[in-house]
C-alpha cells in the first residue's frame, strides 16, 4: 500500500515519514560515503577538479551538515576532507572551511527537506539546457569553446 502524498500550502510533498526520519549515522560515516561518492562522480566525469560540493544531513535538530571543504580535488576526496557545520555555516568539526556555496546547501536542505546535496557543476548539466533552449543558437554566438 502506497502512502499518500501530503500537501502543505498547496505544494506536493513527500510522505511525512520519508522526509523526516533519518537513519542514525555518525559524521565519520557520512564523510566516508560522501568521499567515495565524490571519487566515483569524478571518475565518471560528472564533477571536474575542484568544482562542486557534496553534503549530507548529519542531524536535523540541531541542523548539522557534513560538507566538502573548499578547494579540494574531487578525484582525491578522503573522509578527512569533510567538515561538519551548523545551520549558520559555523564549523563544528574538521579542518578547512566551507565553500561560498555552503549557504546554498543549507537552503536546499531546509527548503526541500533533502537529506543530501550533490552539487556537481557538471558540464553536461549546463550544456543540455542551453542546447534545448528555443534560442540556443543566439545564446552560443560569440562563445569560444
N, C-alpha and C. Protein backbone atom coordinates (compact mmCIF):
# COMPACT_ATOMS: atom_id res chain seq x y z
N UNK A 1 0.83 -1.17 0.00
CA UNK A 1 0.00 0.00 0.00
C UNK A 1 0.88 1.24 0.00
N UNK A 2 0.63 2.15 -0.93
CA UNK A 2 1.42 3.37 -1.03
C UNK A 2 0.92 4.40 -0.03
N UNK A 3 1.88 5.17 0.52
CA UNK A 3 1.50 6.25 1.42
C UNK A 3 1.06 7.43 0.58
N UNK A 4 0.07 8.13 1.08
CA UNK A 4 -0.44 9.29 0.36
C UNK A 4 0.52 10.46 0.52
N UNK A 5 0.65 11.22 -0.56
CA UNK A 5 1.45 12.44 -0.52
C UNK A 5 0.63 13.50 0.21
N UNK A 6 1.27 14.28 1.01
CA UNK A 6 0.56 15.35 1.71
C UNK A 6 0.78 16.66 0.98
N UNK A 7 -0.12 17.57 1.18
CA UNK A 7 0.06 18.91 0.62
C UNK A 7 0.15 19.89 1.76
N UNK A 8 1.05 20.83 1.60
CA UNK A 8 1.21 21.87 2.58
C UNK A 8 1.36 23.16 1.80
N UNK A 9 0.48 24.10 2.05
CA UNK A 9 0.49 25.38 1.34
C UNK A 9 0.40 25.15 -0.17
N UNK A 10 -0.36 24.14 -0.59
CA UNK A 10 -0.58 23.90 -2.00
C UNK A 10 0.57 23.21 -2.72
N UNK A 11 1.63 22.83 -2.01
CA UNK A 11 2.77 22.16 -2.64
C UNK A 11 2.72 20.67 -2.36
N UNK A 12 3.00 19.89 -3.37
CA UNK A 12 3.04 18.45 -3.21
C UNK A 12 4.30 18.09 -2.42
N UNK A 13 4.17 17.31 -1.40
CA UNK A 13 5.30 16.95 -0.54
C UNK A 13 5.46 15.44 -0.50
N UNK A 14 6.65 15.00 -0.14
CA UNK A 14 6.88 13.58 0.07
C UNK A 14 6.11 13.12 1.29
N UNK A 15 5.90 11.81 1.41
CA UNK A 15 5.24 11.32 2.63
C UNK A 15 6.01 11.79 3.85
N UNK A 16 5.30 12.18 4.88
CA UNK A 16 5.93 12.74 6.07
C UNK A 16 7.02 11.84 6.64
N UNK A 17 6.80 10.54 6.67
CA UNK A 17 7.77 9.64 7.27
C UNK A 17 9.05 9.56 6.44
N UNK A 18 8.97 9.74 5.15
CA UNK A 18 10.15 9.63 4.30
C UNK A 18 11.08 10.82 4.47
N UNK A 19 10.54 12.01 4.65
CA UNK A 19 11.38 13.19 4.71
C UNK A 19 11.88 13.52 6.11
N UNK A 20 11.21 13.08 7.12
CA UNK A 20 11.55 13.49 8.48
C UNK A 20 12.52 12.54 9.19
N UNK A 21 12.45 11.27 8.88
CA UNK A 21 13.27 10.30 9.61
C UNK A 21 14.59 10.06 8.89
N UNK A 22 15.67 10.23 9.61
CA UNK A 22 17.00 9.92 9.10
C UNK A 22 17.55 8.76 9.91
N UNK A 23 18.22 7.87 9.23
CA UNK A 23 18.86 6.79 9.95
C UNK A 23 19.98 7.37 10.82
N UNK A 24 20.12 6.92 12.05
CA UNK A 24 21.20 7.44 12.86
C UNK A 24 22.54 7.04 12.23
N UNK A 25 23.39 7.99 12.03
CA UNK A 25 24.72 7.73 11.50
C UNK A 25 25.64 8.80 12.04
N UNK A 26 26.92 8.51 12.00
CA UNK A 26 27.88 9.45 12.53
C UNK A 26 28.43 10.33 11.42
N UNK A 27 28.99 11.45 11.82
CA UNK A 27 29.66 12.34 10.88
C UNK A 27 30.71 11.57 10.09
N UNK A 28 31.46 10.71 10.77
CA UNK A 28 32.52 9.93 10.11
C UNK A 28 31.97 9.04 9.01
N UNK A 29 30.83 8.41 9.27
CA UNK A 29 30.21 7.54 8.27
C UNK A 29 29.77 8.35 7.05
N UNK A 30 29.15 9.50 7.27
CA UNK A 30 28.76 10.35 6.16
C UNK A 30 29.97 10.81 5.37
N UNK A 31 31.04 11.19 6.06
CA UNK A 31 32.25 11.65 5.39
C UNK A 31 32.84 10.54 4.51
N UNK A 32 32.84 9.32 5.01
CA UNK A 32 33.33 8.17 4.22
C UNK A 32 32.49 7.98 2.95
N UNK A 33 31.18 7.98 3.13
CA UNK A 33 30.29 7.75 1.99
C UNK A 33 30.34 8.88 0.97
N UNK A 34 30.40 10.11 1.44
CA UNK A 34 30.49 11.25 0.53
C UNK A 34 31.81 11.27 -0.23
N UNK A 35 32.91 10.91 0.44
CA UNK A 35 34.22 10.86 -0.22
C UNK A 35 34.21 9.80 -1.32
N UNK A 36 33.65 8.65 -1.04
CA UNK A 36 33.55 7.58 -2.04
C UNK A 36 32.68 8.02 -3.22
N UNK A 37 31.57 8.66 -2.91
CA UNK A 37 30.68 9.14 -3.96
C UNK A 37 31.37 10.22 -4.81
N UNK A 38 32.08 11.11 -4.17
CA UNK A 38 32.79 12.17 -4.89
C UNK A 38 33.82 11.61 -5.85
N UNK A 39 34.58 10.62 -5.40
CA UNK A 39 35.59 9.97 -6.28
C UNK A 39 34.90 9.26 -7.44
N UNK A 40 33.76 8.64 -7.16
CA UNK A 40 33.01 7.96 -8.21
C UNK A 40 32.48 8.96 -9.24
N UNK A 41 31.93 10.06 -8.77
CA UNK A 41 31.45 11.10 -9.69
C UNK A 41 32.60 11.63 -10.54
N UNK A 42 33.75 11.83 -9.92
CA UNK A 42 34.93 12.33 -10.65
C UNK A 42 35.34 11.34 -11.74
N UNK A 43 35.37 10.06 -11.41
CA UNK A 43 35.79 9.04 -12.38
C UNK A 43 34.83 8.95 -13.56
N UNK A 44 33.59 9.34 -13.36
CA UNK A 44 32.59 9.33 -14.45
C UNK A 44 32.57 10.64 -15.24
N UNK A 45 33.34 11.63 -14.78
CA UNK A 45 33.35 12.93 -15.44
C UNK A 45 32.17 13.81 -15.06
N UNK A 46 31.48 13.46 -13.98
CA UNK A 46 30.32 14.24 -13.56
C UNK A 46 30.72 15.46 -12.75
N UNK A 47 31.93 15.46 -12.22
CA UNK A 47 32.46 16.60 -11.48
C UNK A 47 33.94 16.70 -11.87
N UNK A 48 34.42 17.92 -12.04
CA UNK A 48 35.79 18.13 -12.52
C UNK A 48 36.62 18.87 -11.47
N UNK A 49 37.83 18.38 -11.25
CA UNK A 49 38.78 19.07 -10.37
C UNK A 49 38.20 19.50 -9.05
N UNK A 50 38.29 20.80 -8.79
CA UNK A 50 37.84 21.34 -7.51
C UNK A 50 36.42 21.87 -7.55
N UNK A 51 35.73 21.71 -8.67
CA UNK A 51 34.37 22.24 -8.77
C UNK A 51 33.39 21.36 -8.01
N UNK A 52 32.26 21.94 -7.64
CA UNK A 52 31.21 21.19 -6.98
C UNK A 52 31.46 20.97 -5.50
N UNK A 53 30.42 20.55 -4.81
CA UNK A 53 30.46 20.26 -3.37
C UNK A 53 29.43 19.20 -3.05
N UNK A 54 29.71 18.43 -2.03
CA UNK A 54 28.81 17.37 -1.60
C UNK A 54 28.53 17.53 -0.12
N UNK A 55 27.27 17.31 0.27
CA UNK A 55 26.92 17.41 1.68
C UNK A 55 25.83 16.40 2.02
N UNK A 56 25.74 16.09 3.31
CA UNK A 56 24.68 15.21 3.82
C UNK A 56 24.28 15.71 5.20
N UNK A 57 23.01 15.55 5.52
CA UNK A 57 22.49 15.97 6.82
C UNK A 57 22.91 14.94 7.86
N UNK A 58 23.66 15.41 8.84
CA UNK A 58 24.07 14.55 9.96
C UNK A 58 22.98 14.55 11.01
N UNK A 59 22.39 15.72 11.26
CA UNK A 59 21.23 15.80 12.17
C UNK A 59 20.36 16.98 11.74
N UNK A 60 19.08 16.89 12.07
CA UNK A 60 18.13 17.96 11.74
C UNK A 60 17.90 18.91 12.91
N UNK A 61 18.00 18.40 14.12
CA UNK A 61 17.74 19.23 15.29
C UNK A 61 18.76 18.91 16.37
N UNK A 62 19.83 19.66 16.44
CA UNK A 62 20.12 20.86 15.66
C UNK A 62 20.61 20.48 14.25
N UNK A 63 20.42 21.39 13.29
CA UNK A 63 20.85 21.12 11.92
C UNK A 63 22.37 21.08 11.84
N UNK A 64 22.87 19.96 11.32
CA UNK A 64 24.31 19.77 11.11
C UNK A 64 24.50 19.11 9.75
N UNK A 65 25.45 19.62 8.96
CA UNK A 65 25.79 19.03 7.67
C UNK A 65 27.23 18.57 7.66
N UNK A 66 27.48 17.45 7.01
CA UNK A 66 28.84 17.06 6.63
C UNK A 66 28.99 17.60 5.21
N UNK A 67 30.02 18.40 4.94
CA UNK A 67 30.18 19.05 3.64
C UNK A 67 31.65 19.11 3.26
N UNK A 68 31.91 19.03 1.96
CA UNK A 68 33.30 19.13 1.50
C UNK A 68 33.87 20.48 1.87
N UNK A 69 35.13 20.46 2.27
CA UNK A 69 35.86 21.69 2.49
C UNK A 69 36.15 22.30 1.12
N UNK A 70 36.36 23.59 1.04
CA UNK A 70 36.55 24.28 -0.22
C UNK A 70 37.89 23.96 -0.87
N UNK A 71 37.92 24.01 -2.22
CA UNK A 71 39.15 23.92 -2.98
C UNK A 71 39.78 22.55 -3.10
N UNK A 72 39.03 21.49 -2.92
CA UNK A 72 39.61 20.13 -2.96
C UNK A 72 39.33 19.45 -4.29
N UNK A 73 40.31 18.70 -4.77
CA UNK A 73 40.15 17.91 -5.99
C UNK A 73 39.23 16.74 -5.67
N UNK A 74 38.11 16.67 -6.36
CA UNK A 74 37.10 15.65 -6.05
C UNK A 74 37.56 14.23 -6.41
N UNK A 75 38.59 14.11 -7.25
CA UNK A 75 39.13 12.80 -7.58
C UNK A 75 39.96 12.20 -6.47
N UNK A 76 40.33 13.01 -5.49
CA UNK A 76 41.16 12.56 -4.38
C UNK A 76 40.50 12.74 -3.02
N UNK A 77 39.18 12.82 -3.00
CA UNK A 77 38.48 13.05 -1.73
C UNK A 77 38.72 11.93 -0.73
N UNK A 78 38.89 12.32 0.51
CA UNK A 78 39.04 11.38 1.63
C UNK A 78 38.13 11.88 2.76
N UNK A 79 37.77 11.01 3.69
CA UNK A 79 36.89 11.43 4.79
C UNK A 79 37.41 12.66 5.55
N UNK A 80 38.71 12.82 5.65
CA UNK A 80 39.29 13.96 6.36
C UNK A 80 39.10 15.29 5.65
N UNK A 81 38.60 15.25 4.42
CA UNK A 81 38.36 16.48 3.64
C UNK A 81 36.99 17.08 3.90
N UNK A 82 36.24 16.49 4.83
CA UNK A 82 34.90 16.98 5.12
C UNK A 82 34.87 17.68 6.47
N UNK A 83 34.03 18.68 6.55
CA UNK A 83 33.84 19.40 7.80
C UNK A 83 32.38 19.25 8.20
N UNK A 84 32.13 19.43 9.48
CA UNK A 84 30.76 19.45 9.96
C UNK A 84 30.43 20.90 10.27
N UNK A 85 29.31 21.37 9.76
CA UNK A 85 28.91 22.75 10.02
C UNK A 85 27.48 22.79 10.54
N UNK A 86 27.18 23.90 11.22
CA UNK A 86 25.84 24.06 11.77
C UNK A 86 24.96 24.88 10.83
N UNK A 87 23.79 25.24 11.29
CA UNK A 87 22.79 25.94 10.48
C UNK A 87 23.23 27.35 10.08
N UNK A 88 24.25 27.88 10.74
CA UNK A 88 24.78 29.21 10.40
C UNK A 88 26.10 29.10 9.62
N UNK A 89 26.42 27.93 9.14
CA UNK A 89 27.65 27.58 8.42
C UNK A 89 28.91 27.73 9.27
N UNK A 90 28.74 27.66 10.58
CA UNK A 90 29.87 27.68 11.52
C UNK A 90 30.45 26.27 11.60
N UNK A 91 31.77 26.16 11.54
CA UNK A 91 32.44 24.85 11.60
C UNK A 91 32.36 24.28 13.01
N UNK A 92 31.85 23.06 13.09
CA UNK A 92 31.73 22.34 14.35
C UNK A 92 32.87 21.34 14.50
N UNK A 93 33.27 20.74 13.36
CA UNK A 93 34.29 19.69 13.38
C UNK A 93 35.03 19.69 12.05
N UNK A 94 36.31 19.34 12.10
CA UNK A 94 37.11 19.20 10.89
C UNK A 94 37.97 20.41 10.60
N UNK A 95 38.85 20.23 9.61
CA UNK A 95 39.78 21.28 9.21
C UNK A 95 39.40 21.79 7.83
N UNK A 96 39.63 23.06 7.61
CA UNK A 96 39.27 23.67 6.34
C UNK A 96 38.13 24.63 6.54
N UNK A 97 37.53 25.03 5.42
CA UNK A 97 36.40 25.94 5.51
C UNK A 97 35.38 25.57 4.44
N UNK A 98 34.11 25.83 4.72
CA UNK A 98 33.08 25.53 3.72
C UNK A 98 33.19 26.50 2.55
N UNK A 99 32.75 26.07 1.39
CA UNK A 99 32.78 26.94 0.22
C UNK A 99 31.72 28.02 0.35
N UNK A 100 31.76 28.97 -0.57
CA UNK A 100 30.75 30.03 -0.61
C UNK A 100 29.37 29.43 -0.87
N UNK A 101 29.32 28.22 -1.41
CA UNK A 101 28.04 27.56 -1.72
C UNK A 101 27.45 26.83 -0.53
N UNK A 102 28.08 26.91 0.61
CA UNK A 102 27.55 26.24 1.81
C UNK A 102 26.14 26.74 2.13
N UNK A 103 25.90 28.03 1.93
CA UNK A 103 24.57 28.58 2.20
C UNK A 103 23.53 28.00 1.23
N UNK A 104 23.94 27.70 0.01
CA UNK A 104 23.05 27.05 -0.96
C UNK A 104 22.66 25.66 -0.45
N UNK A 105 23.63 24.91 0.06
CA UNK A 105 23.35 23.58 0.61
C UNK A 105 22.35 23.68 1.76
N UNK A 106 22.58 24.63 2.65
CA UNK A 106 21.66 24.82 3.78
C UNK A 106 20.25 25.18 3.30
N UNK A 107 20.15 26.05 2.30
CA UNK A 107 18.84 26.45 1.77
C UNK A 107 18.11 25.26 1.15
N UNK A 108 18.83 24.42 0.41
CA UNK A 108 18.22 23.24 -0.21
C UNK A 108 17.75 22.26 0.85
N UNK A 109 18.58 22.01 1.85
CA UNK A 109 18.23 21.08 2.92
C UNK A 109 16.99 21.57 3.68
N UNK A 110 16.95 22.86 3.94
CA UNK A 110 15.78 23.43 4.65
C UNK A 110 14.54 23.47 3.76
N UNK A 111 14.70 23.99 2.56
CA UNK A 111 13.56 24.23 1.68
C UNK A 111 12.97 22.98 1.06
N UNK A 112 13.81 22.00 0.77
CA UNK A 112 13.34 20.77 0.11
C UNK A 112 13.35 19.57 1.04
N UNK A 113 13.78 19.77 2.28
CA UNK A 113 13.90 18.67 3.24
C UNK A 113 14.80 17.56 2.70
N UNK A 114 15.81 17.96 1.94
CA UNK A 114 16.75 17.00 1.36
C UNK A 114 17.63 16.39 2.44
N UNK A 115 18.04 15.17 2.22
CA UNK A 115 18.97 14.50 3.14
C UNK A 115 20.41 14.68 2.67
N UNK A 116 20.59 15.05 1.39
CA UNK A 116 21.94 15.26 0.84
C UNK A 116 21.85 16.20 -0.35
N UNK A 117 22.97 16.87 -0.65
CA UNK A 117 23.07 17.74 -1.81
C UNK A 117 24.35 17.37 -2.54
N UNK A 118 24.21 17.01 -3.81
CA UNK A 118 25.36 16.63 -4.64
C UNK A 118 25.43 17.65 -5.77
N UNK A 119 26.16 18.71 -5.53
CA UNK A 119 26.24 19.86 -6.44
C UNK A 119 27.50 19.69 -7.30
N UNK A 120 27.31 19.31 -8.57
CA UNK A 120 28.45 18.85 -9.38
C UNK A 120 29.08 19.88 -10.30
N UNK A 121 28.40 20.92 -10.68
CA UNK A 121 28.91 21.87 -11.69
C UNK A 121 29.20 21.12 -12.99
N UNK A 122 28.46 20.10 -13.27
CA UNK A 122 28.68 19.26 -14.45
C UNK A 122 28.56 20.06 -15.74
N UNK A 123 29.49 19.85 -16.65
CA UNK A 123 29.44 20.48 -17.97
C UNK A 123 28.15 20.08 -18.66
N UNK A 124 27.78 18.82 -18.53
CA UNK A 124 26.59 18.30 -19.22
C UNK A 124 25.31 18.93 -18.71
N UNK A 125 25.24 19.21 -17.43
CA UNK A 125 24.02 19.83 -16.91
C UNK A 125 23.92 21.30 -17.31
N UNK A 126 25.01 21.87 -17.79
CA UNK A 126 25.00 23.23 -18.31
C UNK A 126 24.70 23.23 -19.81
N UNK A 127 25.35 22.34 -20.54
CA UNK A 127 25.21 22.30 -21.99
C UNK A 127 23.80 21.87 -22.42
N UNK A 128 23.25 20.85 -21.81
CA UNK A 128 21.95 20.33 -22.23
C UNK A 128 20.84 21.38 -22.20
N UNK A 129 20.67 22.11 -21.11
CA UNK A 129 19.61 23.13 -21.13
C UNK A 129 19.84 24.20 -22.20
N UNK A 130 21.09 24.58 -22.40
CA UNK A 130 21.37 25.60 -23.41
C UNK A 130 21.05 25.07 -24.81
N UNK A 131 21.41 23.83 -25.08
CA UNK A 131 21.15 23.26 -26.39
C UNK A 131 19.66 23.06 -26.67
N UNK A 132 18.89 22.85 -25.62
CA UNK A 132 17.45 22.62 -25.82
C UNK A 132 16.63 23.90 -25.68
N UNK A 133 17.29 25.00 -25.37
CA UNK A 133 16.60 26.29 -25.24
C UNK A 133 16.16 26.76 -26.62
N UNK A 134 14.96 27.33 -26.74
CA UNK A 134 14.46 27.77 -28.05
C UNK A 134 15.39 28.75 -28.77
N UNK A 135 16.17 29.50 -28.04
CA UNK A 135 17.09 30.46 -28.65
C UNK A 135 18.54 30.02 -28.49
N UNK A 136 18.78 28.70 -28.53
CA UNK A 136 20.11 28.14 -28.29
C UNK A 136 21.17 28.75 -29.20
N UNK A 137 20.88 28.90 -30.47
CA UNK A 137 21.88 29.41 -31.41
C UNK A 137 22.34 30.81 -31.01
N UNK A 138 21.41 31.68 -30.62
CA UNK A 138 21.80 33.04 -30.24
C UNK A 138 22.54 33.05 -28.91
N UNK A 139 22.26 32.08 -28.04
CA UNK A 139 22.98 32.00 -26.76
C UNK A 139 24.45 31.61 -26.95
N UNK A 140 24.72 30.79 -27.98
CA UNK A 140 26.07 30.31 -28.23
C UNK A 140 26.89 31.27 -29.07
N UNK A 141 26.28 32.21 -29.77
CA UNK A 141 27.03 33.15 -30.62
C UNK A 141 28.02 33.92 -29.78
N UNK A 142 29.23 34.02 -30.29
CA UNK A 142 30.26 34.75 -29.59
C UNK A 142 30.96 33.97 -28.50
N UNK A 143 30.53 32.74 -28.27
CA UNK A 143 31.14 31.90 -27.25
C UNK A 143 32.28 31.10 -27.88
N UNK A 144 33.43 31.11 -27.24
CA UNK A 144 34.55 30.31 -27.73
C UNK A 144 34.63 29.02 -26.93
N UNK A 145 34.71 27.90 -27.62
CA UNK A 145 34.80 26.61 -26.93
C UNK A 145 36.16 26.01 -27.17
